[in-house]
Amino acid sequence: MSYSLTFHGHSTFSLDLNGTKVIVDPFLKGNSPVAVKSADEVEADYIWLTHGHGDHVADALPIAKRTGATVISNFEIVGWINSNGHDKTHPQHLGGGFQHPFGYLKMTPALHGSMLPDGSNGGMAGGFLLKGDKNIYIAGDTALFSDMALIGAHDIDLAILPIGDNFTMGPDDALLAVNYLKPKVVVPCHYNTFGYIMQDADAWAKRVDLETDAKPVVMEIEETIEV
């Protein structure tokens, strides 16, 4: 029984959950040269979408149609996926969880927007909390909020947090988030893709080491770690 995490750049991650392939917020084609893998190369049984912005859903439809993956997101985004020709979906919403074959997946709040690339309503932005052999929290694009402490009560093995600032919480607030969540391991994301969100992830990781009990892991593009 094993979980692994692969970083593709920005906020795009693949999870292997005991053989079930998941891709989160696929943004590959438009993220070249940061992302070195194309949408045609990734495998997916499930696609998890935290919100509707183009840097999180850009490759969701091509991957879903090619692989036949089930798209999990909020009701509005799932409706948009359906209206664009892919009907293998599972709608959820903030605070709601469901026992999927790979584990219990709950949508968590996020403080952010969610308009889809064509201007459609993307509902409310969110994150994901997976409760399975390991408990994984993917914050999505969000500001800091104190209820992260409630999420942290779930004994988080791995947390993935944005640190880029400007559009999401920055390094200082992300450090506070680590203290609220108390994960065993924390991985930063959503930084250095655009000029607005340039950050020194290694410097942030050093602060996490000094000021929290979490182990920070700054992942390289296409690096895979065991959870």
Foldseek 3Di string as FASTA:
>chain_A
DFKKWWAQAFQWIWIQQVNAIEIFQDAAPVLPPQGPDDLVPDEHQEYEAQAAECSRCVSVLVNCVVHVHEYEYAPQVQVVSVVVPRNRYDHDDAPDWDQDPRAIKHWHAAAAAHQHPVRGHTDGGTWIWGDDPATETEGGAHEADLCLLVVLVSAHQEYEEEAQPPRGHHLVSVLVSCVSNVYQEYEYHNADSDPSRHDDVVVSQVCNVVPGNHHYDYDGRRDMDID
